Amino acid sequence: MNRGKTGLLVLIGLASMFFLFVAILYGSSTKRQDAIDRKAELDAKLGVITESDITIYWIGEPPKELEPLAPVIKVIEPSSASKENLPIKGPSFHTTEYTPDGRLVSEDIPIEYPENMVIVISGSPVITENGASALLDSVAKNGVPVIAVGDGASEVLGNVLSYKRTHKGQGTSLYYCLGKRYKENILPKEAVTAGGYDLADAIADFIPVAMEDYTPVN
């Protein structure tokens, strides 16, 4: 092979490597921009939620992608769930009871809650009997919508509400709101399984639905 042909092959090889490098760089840049755009879109959805008068009672660990919701999320360790940290139904009126000699025996004070409330359960939580009772009170008596994310959480919610699930397994979810039907797999199974931004985006889309369903119980 003469020098001319060898040089031509070298140039072709270098050109191919250059265009391959550009393609890889462009692909990487596109993926990076897609990730930035996706985060911005999610943050915009979460921003709308945080601007609402809402408290999200999260039993378990929220995805880190939902960090912008921190001002309105109350994270509850499953084993510590109780009537002290869940939105149970409180008394309608402020009442007091005294002994004949004027000593205070008991006092019931209405609980002030935000306009909107949602309970989310995630992971495979171990909830005590007191926690299960407080959860049932919050959902069945106070009408707070509840979303269970994942098979373990859905099983716990189903047991608390005495509901037999039709769908079980990885990626399942369960939703209930007083006056509404039970809804299974309200979150895309692939999003629940994938976690991360997929799950955070699915939850951000569904919370407004739960807010719309919620009707305070008098």
C-alpha atoms as a PDB file:
ATOM      1  CA  MET A   1       0.000   0.000   0.000  1.00  0.00           C
ATOM      2  CA  ASN A   2       1.466   3.369  -1.000  1.00  0.00           C
ATOM      3  CA  ARG A   3       1.774   6.350   1.296  1.00  0.00           C
ATOM      4  CA  GLY A   4      -1.126   8.176  -0.343  1.00  0.00           C
ATOM      5  CA  LYS A   5      -3.582   5.391   0.389  1.00  0.00           C
ATOM      6  CA  THR A   6      -2.241   4.957   3.941  1.00  0.00           C
ATOM      7  CA  GLY A   7      -2.650   8.659   4.624  1.00  0.00           C
ATOM      8  CA  LEU A   8      -6.166   8.610   3.250  1.00  0.00           C
ATOM      9  CA  LEU A   9      -7.134   5.710   5.501  1.00  0.00           C
ATOM     10  CA  VAL A  10      -5.675   7.503   8.513  1.00  0.00           C
ATOM     11  CA  LEU A  11      -7.661  10.634   7.687  1.00  0.00           C
ATOM     12  CA  ILE A  12     -10.848   8.610   7.269  1.00  0.00           C
ATOM     13  CA  GLY A  13     -10.201   6.904  10.622  1.00  0.00           C
ATOM     14  CA  LEU A  14      -9.585  10.214  12.365  1.00  0.00           C
ATOM     15  CA  ALA A  15     -12.685  11.732  10.801  1.00  0.00           C
ATOM     16  CA  SER A  16     -14.789   8.763  11.917  1.00  0.00           C
ATOM     17  CA  MET A  17     -13.476   9.072  15.462  1.00  0.00           C
ATOM     18  CA  PHE A  18     -14.186  12.810  15.439  1.00  0.00           C
ATOM     19  CA  PHE A  19     -17.794  12.379  14.305  1.00  0.00           C
ATOM     20  CA  LEU A  20     -18.276   9.557  16.828  1.00  0.00           C
ATOM     21  CA  PHE A  21     -16.984  11.821  19.593  1.00  0.00           C
ATOM     22  CA  VAL A  22     -19.330  14.621  18.491  1.00  0.00           C
ATOM     23  CA  ALA A  23     -22.285  12.203  18.436  1.00  0.00           C
ATOM     24  CA  ILE A  24     -21.491  10.945  21.945  1.00  0.00           C
ATOM     25  CA  LEU A  25     -21.032  14.500  23.214  1.00  0.00           C
ATOM     26  CA  TYR A  26     -24.310  15.593  21.627  1.00  0.00           C
ATOM     27  CA  GLY A  27     -26.143  12.579  23.056  1.00  0.00           C
ATOM     28  CA  SER A  28     -24.763  13.265  26.523  1.00  0.00           C
ATOM     29  CA  SER A  29     -25.700  16.935  26.272  1.00  0.00           C
ATOM     30  CA  THR A  30     -29.225  16.042  25.133  1.00  0.00           C
ATOM     31  CA  LYS A  31     -29.710  13.630  28.039  1.00  0.00           C
ATOM     32  CA  ARG A  32     -28.417  16.252  30.467  1.00  0.00           C
ATOM     33  CA  GLN A  33     -30.823  18.834  29.077  1.00  0.00           C
ATOM     34  CA  ASP A  34     -33.706  16.342  29.222  1.00  0.00           C
ATOM     35  CA  ALA A  35     -32.927  15.729  32.898  1.00  0.00           C
ATOM     36  CA  ILE A  36     -32.843  19.480  33.582  1.00  0.00           C
ATOM     37  CA  ASP A  37     -36.156  19.976  31.767  1.00  0.00           C
ATOM     38  CA  ARG A  38     -37.748  17.075  33.615  1.00  0.00           C
ATOM     39  CA  LYS A  39     -36.660  18.401  37.009  1.00  0.00           C
ATOM     40  CA  ALA A  40     -37.962  21.867  36.140  1.00  0.00           C
ATOM     41  CA  GLU A  41     -41.324  20.421  35.099  1.00  0.00           C
ATOM     42  CA  LEU A  42     -41.580  18.384  38.318  1.00  0.00           C
ATOM     43  CA  ASP A  43     -40.563  21.363  40.473  1.00  0.00           C
ATOM     44  CA  ALA A  44     -43.277  23.446  38.801  1.00  0.00           C
ATOM     45  CA  LYS A  45     -45.920  20.847  39.739  1.00  0.00           C
ATOM     46  CA  LEU A  46     -44.613  20.641  43.285  1.00  0.00           C
ATOM     47  CA  GLY A  47     -44.584  24.425  43.517  1.00  0.00           C
ATOM     48  CA  VAL A  48     -48.323  24.530  42.835  1.00  0.00           C
ATOM     49  CA  ILE A  49     -48.889  22.008  45.642  1.00  0.00           C
ATOM     50  CA  THR A  50     -46.734  23.866  48.177  1.00  0.00           C
ATOM     51  CA  GLU A  51     -48.642  27.058  47.456  1.00  0.00           C
ATOM     52  CA  SER A  52     -51.850  25.314  48.542  1.00  0.00           C
ATOM     53  CA  ASP A  53     -53.110  25.144  52.121  1.00  0.00           C
ATOM     54  CA  ILE A  54     -52.193  21.480  52.543  1.00  0.00           C
ATOM     55  CA  THR A  55     -50.391  19.069  54.833  1.00  0.00           C
ATOM     56  CA  ILE A  56     -49.166  15.741  53.498  1.00  0.00           C
ATOM     57  CA  TYR A  57     -48.755  13.178  56.262  1.00  0.00           C
ATOM     58  CA  TRP A  58     -46.131  10.781  54.935  1.00  0.00           C
ATOM     59  CA  ILE A  59     -45.736   7.488  56.768  1.00  0.00           C
ATOM     60  CA  GLY A  60     -42.378   6.178  55.608  1.00  0.00           C
ATOM     61  CA  GLU A  61     -39.656   7.869  53.585  1.00  0.00           C
ATOM     62  CA  PRO A  62     -40.533  10.259  50.729  1.00  0.00           C
ATOM     63  CA  PRO A  63     -38.396  10.111  47.554  1.00  0.00           C
ATOM     64  CA  LYS A  64     -35.635  12.736  47.615  1.00  0.00           C
ATOM     65  CA  GLU A  65     -37.060  14.119  44.368  1.00  0.00           C
ATOM     66  CA  LEU A  66     -40.025  15.392  46.416  1.00  0.00           C
ATOM     67  CA  GLU A  67     -37.759  17.544  48.595  1.00  0.00           C
ATOM     68  CA  PRO A  68     -39.422  20.767  47.309  1.00  0.00           C
ATOM     69  CA  LEU A  69     -42.549  19.589  49.163  1.00  0.00           C
ATOM     70  CA  ALA A  70     -40.695  19.738  52.493  1.00  0.00           C
ATOM     71  CA  PRO A  71     -42.671  22.793  53.732  1.00  0.00           C
ATOM     72  CA  VAL A  72     -45.954  20.858  53.489  1.00  0.00           C
ATOM     73  CA  ILE A  73     -44.820  17.294  54.258  1.00  0.00           C
ATOM     74  CA  LYS A  74     -44.953  15.894  57.761  1.00  0.00           C
ATOM     75  CA  VAL A  75     -42.772  12.772  57.747  1.00  0.00           C
ATOM     76  CA  ILE A  76     -43.870  10.145  60.264  1.00  0.00           C
ATOM     77  CA  GLU A  77     -41.806   7.147  61.307  1.00  0.00           C
ATOM     78  CA  PRO A  78     -44.157   4.145  60.829  1.00  0.00           C
ATOM     79  CA  SER A  79     -43.608   2.784  64.336  1.00  0.00           C
ATOM     80  CA  SER A  80     -44.415   6.197  65.851  1.00  0.00           C
ATOM     81  CA  ALA A  81     -47.656   6.819  63.936  1.00  0.00           C
ATOM     82  CA  SER A  82     -50.361   7.772  66.443  1.00  0.00           C
ATOM     83  CA  LYS A  83     -53.270  10.092  67.147  1.00  0.00           C
ATOM     84  CA  GLU A  84     -50.696  12.716  68.128  1.00  0.00           C
ATOM     85  CA  ASN A  85     -49.222  13.015  64.619  1.00  0.00           C
ATOM     86  CA  LEU A  86     -52.015  11.843  62.306  1.00  0.00           C
ATOM     87  CA  PRO A  87     -55.072  13.938  61.337  1.00  0.00           C
ATOM     88  CA  ILE A  88     -57.674  12.209  63.484  1.00  0.00           C
ATOM     89  CA  LYS A  89     -61.136  13.686  63.851  1.00  0.00           C
ATOM     90  CA  GLY A  90     -61.243  16.133  66.724  1.00  0.00           C
ATOM     91  CA  PRO A  91     -64.165  17.520  68.734  1.00  0.00           C
ATOM     92  CA  SER A  92     -66.480  19.971  66.987  1.00  0.00           C
ATOM     93  CA  PHE A  93     -66.702  22.281  70.005  1.00  0.00           C
ATOM     94  CA  HIS A  94     -64.492  23.442  72.841  1.00  0.00           C
ATOM     95  CA  THR A  95     -65.902  21.793  75.959  1.00  0.00           C
ATOM     96  CA  THR A  96     -64.693  21.513  79.544  1.00  0.00           C
ATOM     97  CA  GLU A  97     -65.767  19.398  82.493  1.00  0.00           C
ATOM     98  CA  TYR A  98     -65.239  20.424  86.111  1.00  0.00           C
ATOM     99  CA  THR A  99     -65.781  18.843  89.507  1.00  0.00           C
ATOM    100  CA  PRO A 100     -68.318  20.490  91.856  1.00  0.00           C
ATOM    101  CA  ASP A 101     -65.464  22.279  93.610  1.00  0.00           C
ATOM    102  CA  GLY A 102     -64.187  23.776  90.346  1.00  0.00           C
ATOM    103  CA  ARG A 103     -61.312  21.469  89.455  1.00  0.00           C
ATOM    104  CA  LEU A 104     -60.816  20.763  85.748  1.00  0.00           C
ATOM    105  CA  VAL A 105     -61.564  17.140  84.903  1.00  0.00           C
ATOM    106  CA  SER A 106     -61.286  17.181  81.107  1.00  0.00           C
ATOM    107  CA  GLU A 107     -61.101  19.561  78.188  1.00  0.00           C
ATOM    108  CA  ASP A 108     -61.799  18.925  74.503  1.00  0.00           C
ATOM    109  CA  ILE A 109     -60.395  21.478  72.060  1.00  0.00           C
ATOM    110  CA  PRO A 110     -61.192  21.452  68.318  1.00  0.00           C
ATOM    111  CA  ILE A 111     -58.150  20.704  66.172  1.00  0.00           C
ATOM    112  CA  GLU A 112     -57.279  23.218  63.497  1.00  0.00           C
ATOM    113  CA  TYR A 113     -56.360  21.513  60.238  1.00  0.00           C
ATOM    114  CA  PRO A 114     -55.359  22.933  56.841  1.00  0.00           C
ATOM    115  CA  GLU A 115     -57.873  23.175  54.025  1.00  0.00           C
ATOM    116  CA  ASN A 116     -56.427  20.079  52.345  1.00  0.00           C
ATOM    117  CA  MET A 117     -54.898  16.931  53.798  1.00  0.00           C
ATOM    118  CA  VAL A 118     -53.488  13.762  52.249  1.00  0.00           C
ATOM    119  CA  ILE A 119     -51.902  10.726  53.869  1.00  0.00           C
ATOM    120  CA  VAL A 120     -49.227   8.803  51.945  1.00  0.00           C
ATOM    121  CA  ILE A 121     -47.843   5.437  53.040  1.00  0.00           C
ATOM    122  CA  SER A 122     -44.710   4.060  51.397  1.00  0.00           C
ATOM    123  CA  GLY A 123     -42.252   1.212  51.761  1.00  0.00           C
ATOM    124  CA  SER A 124     -43.167  -1.775  53.924  1.00  0.00           C
ATOM    125  CA  PRO A 125     -44.127  -0.007  57.136  1.00  0.00           C
ATOM    126  CA  VAL A 126     -44.635  -1.731  60.466  1.00  0.00           C
ATOM    127  CA  ILE A 127     -47.432   0.189  62.177  1.00  0.00           C
ATOM    128  CA  THR A 128     -48.436  -0.397  65.787  1.00  0.00           C
ATOM    129  CA  GLU A 129     -52.000  -1.104  66.863  1.00  0.00           C
ATOM    130  CA  ASN A 130     -52.308   2.490  68.073  1.00  0.00           C
ATOM    131  CA  GLY A 131     -50.956   3.729  64.746  1.00  0.00           C
ATOM    132  CA  ALA A 132     -53.425   1.591  62.796  1.00  0.00           C
ATOM    133  CA  SER A 133     -56.271   2.906  64.955  1.00  0.00           C
ATOM    134  CA  ALA A 134     -55.201   6.528  64.358  1.00  0.00           C
ATOM    135  CA  LEU A 135     -54.878   5.872  60.621  1.00  0.00           C
ATOM    136  CA  LEU A 136     -58.355   4.338  60.487  1.00  0.00           C
ATOM    137  CA  ASP A 137     -59.786   7.289  62.430  1.00  0.00           C
ATOM    138  CA  SER A 138     -58.117   9.782  60.079  1.00  0.00           C
ATOM    139  CA  VAL A 139     -59.443   8.072  56.964  1.00  0.00           C
ATOM    140  CA  ALA A 140     -62.839   6.716  58.033  1.00  0.00           C
ATOM    141  CA  LYS A 141     -63.950   9.444  60.460  1.00  0.00           C
ATOM    142  CA  ASN A 142     -62.069  12.534  59.317  1.00  0.00           C
ATOM    143  CA  GLY A 143     -62.299  11.721  55.608  1.00  0.00           C
ATOM    144  CA  VAL A 144     -58.605  12.245  54.804  1.00  0.00           C
ATOM    145  CA  PRO A 145     -57.609  10.640  51.452  1.00  0.00           C
ATOM    146  CA  VAL A 146     -54.854   8.031  51.728  1.00  0.00           C
ATOM    147  CA  ILE A 147     -52.451   6.757  49.075  1.00  0.00           C
ATOM    148  CA  ALA A 148     -50.413   3.595  49.610  1.00  0.00           C
ATOM    149  CA  VAL A 149     -47.352   3.342  47.373  1.00  0.00           C
ATOM    150  CA  GLY A 150     -45.981  -0.125  46.725  1.00  0.00           C
ATOM    151  CA  ASP A 151     -47.113  -3.636  47.592  1.00  0.00           C
ATOM    152  CA  GLY A 152     -46.045  -3.518  51.252  1.00  0.00           C
ATOM    153  CA  ALA A 153     -47.763  -0.206  51.958  1.00  0.00           C
ATOM    154  CA  SER A 154     -50.887  -1.300  50.053  1.00  0.00           C
ATOM    155  CA  GLU A 155     -51.068  -4.463  52.129  1.00  0.00           C
ATOM    156  CA  VAL A 156     -50.864  -2.438  55.347  1.00  0.00           C
ATOM    157  CA  LEU A 157     -53.597  -0.039  54.204  1.00  0.00           C
ATOM    158  CA  GLY A 158     -55.798  -2.884  53.027  1.00  0.00           C
ATOM    159  CA  ASN A 159     -55.483  -4.557  56.439  1.00  0.00           C
ATOM    160  CA  VAL A 160     -56.274  -1.336  58.321  1.00  0.00           C
ATOM    161  CA  LEU A 161     -59.361  -0.671  56.199  1.00  0.00           C
ATOM    162  CA  SER A 162     -60.388  -4.356  56.008  1.00  0.00           C
ATOM    163  CA  TYR A 163     -60.164  -4.225  52.224  1.00  0.00           C
ATOM    164  CA  LYS A 164     -59.208  -7.270  50.156  1.00  0.00           C
ATOM    165  CA  ARG A 165     -57.032  -6.218  47.254  1.00  0.00           C
ATOM    166  CA  THR A 166     -57.487  -7.592  43.766  1.00  0.00           C
ATOM    167  CA  HIS A 167     -54.031  -6.613  42.547  1.00  0.00           C
ATOM    168  CA  LYS A 168     -50.909  -7.533  44.466  1.00  0.00           C
ATOM    169  CA  GLY A 169     -47.208  -7.583  43.728  1.00  0.00           C
ATOM    170  CA  GLN A 170     -44.424  -5.244  42.733  1.00  0.00           C
ATOM    171  CA  GLY A 171     -45.451  -1.764  41.656  1.00  0.00           C
ATOM    172  CA  THR A 172     -48.986  -1.883  43.043  1.00  0.00           C
ATOM    173  CA  SER A 173     -50.713   0.992  44.829  1.00  0.00           C
ATOM    174  CA  LEU A 174     -53.989   1.593  46.652  1.00  0.00           C
ATOM    175  CA  TYR A 175     -56.113   4.693  47.198  1.00  0.00           C
ATOM    176  CA  TYR A 176     -59.144   5.423  49.331  1.00  0.00           C
ATOM    177  CA  CYS A 177     -61.174   8.495  50.183  1.00  0.00           C
ATOM    178  CA  LEU A 178     -64.372   8.527  52.225  1.00  0.00           C
ATOM    179  CA  GLY A 179     -67.365   8.596  49.896  1.00  0.00           C
ATOM    180  CA  LYS A 180     -65.272   7.383  46.963  1.00  0.00           C
ATOM    181  CA  ARG A 181     -64.558   3.867  45.805  1.00  0.00           C
ATOM    182  CA  TYR A 182     -61.310   2.076  46.532  1.00  0.00           C
ATOM    183  CA  LYS A 183     -58.947   2.478  43.607  1.00  0.00           C
ATOM    184  CA  GLU A 184     -56.098   0.095  42.932  1.00  0.00           C
ATOM    185  CA  ASN A 185     -53.009   0.899  40.877  1.00  0.00           C
ATOM    186  CA  ILE A 186     -53.823   4.610  40.765  1.00  0.00           C
ATOM    187  CA  LEU A 187     -50.123   5.199  40.149  1.00  0.00           C
ATOM    188  CA  PRO A 188     -48.481   3.641  37.066  1.00  0.00           C
ATOM    189  CA  LYS A 189     -46.899   0.355  38.134  1.00  0.00           C
ATOM    190  CA  GLU A 190     -43.762   1.107  36.161  1.00  0.00           C
ATOM    191  CA  ALA A 191     -43.378   4.432  37.998  1.00  0.00           C
ATOM    192  CA  VAL A 192     -43.769   2.814  41.425  1.00  0.00           C
ATOM    193  CA  THR A 193     -41.242   0.136  40.476  1.00  0.00           C
ATOM    194  CA  ALA A 194     -38.729   2.595  39.003  1.00  0.00           C
ATOM    195  CA  GLY A 195     -38.928   5.092  41.874  1.00  0.00           C
ATOM    196  CA  GLY A 196     -36.990   8.347  41.565  1.00  0.00           C
ATOM    197  CA  TYR A 197     -38.361  10.973  39.205  1.00  0.00           C
ATOM    198  CA  ASP A 198     -40.890   8.556  37.707  1.00  0.00           C
ATOM    199  CA  LEU A 199     -42.510   7.955  41.084  1.00  0.00           C
ATOM    200  CA  ALA A 200     -42.212  11.572  42.208  1.00  0.00           C
ATOM    201  CA  ASP A 201     -43.874  12.747  39.004  1.00  0.00           C
ATOM    202  CA  ALA A 202     -46.726  10.241  39.389  1.00  0.00           C
ATOM    203  CA  ILE A 203     -47.346  11.334  42.973  1.00  0.00           C
ATOM    204  CA  ALA A 204     -47.214  15.009  41.989  1.00  0.00           C
ATOM    205  CA  ASP A 205     -49.886  14.319  39.367  1.00  0.00           C
ATOM    206  CA  PHE A 206     -52.150  12.436  41.771  1.00  0.00           C
ATOM    207  CA  ILE A 207     -52.044  14.640  44.876  1.00  0.00           C
ATOM    208  CA  PRO A 208     -54.288  17.300  43.235  1.00  0.00           C
ATOM    209  CA  VAL A 209     -56.818  14.519  42.518  1.00  0.00           C
ATOM    210  CA  ALA A 210     -56.805  13.548  46.200  1.00  0.00           C
ATOM    211  CA  MET A 211     -57.175  17.211  47.155  1.00  0.00           C
ATOM    212  CA  GLU A 212     -60.222  17.448  44.922  1.00  0.00           C
ATOM    213  CA  ASP A 213     -61.716  14.316  46.508  1.00  0.00           C
ATOM    214  CA  TYR A 214     -61.245  15.514  50.084  1.00  0.00           C
ATOM    215  CA  THR A 215     -64.328  16.838  51.818  1.00  0.00           C
ATOM    216  CA  PRO A 216     -63.959  17.772  55.506  1.00  0.00           C
ATOM    217  CA  VAL A 217     -66.252  15.797  57.794  1.00  0.00           C
ATOM    218  CA  ASN A 218     -68.275  17.947  60.160  1.00  0.00           C
END
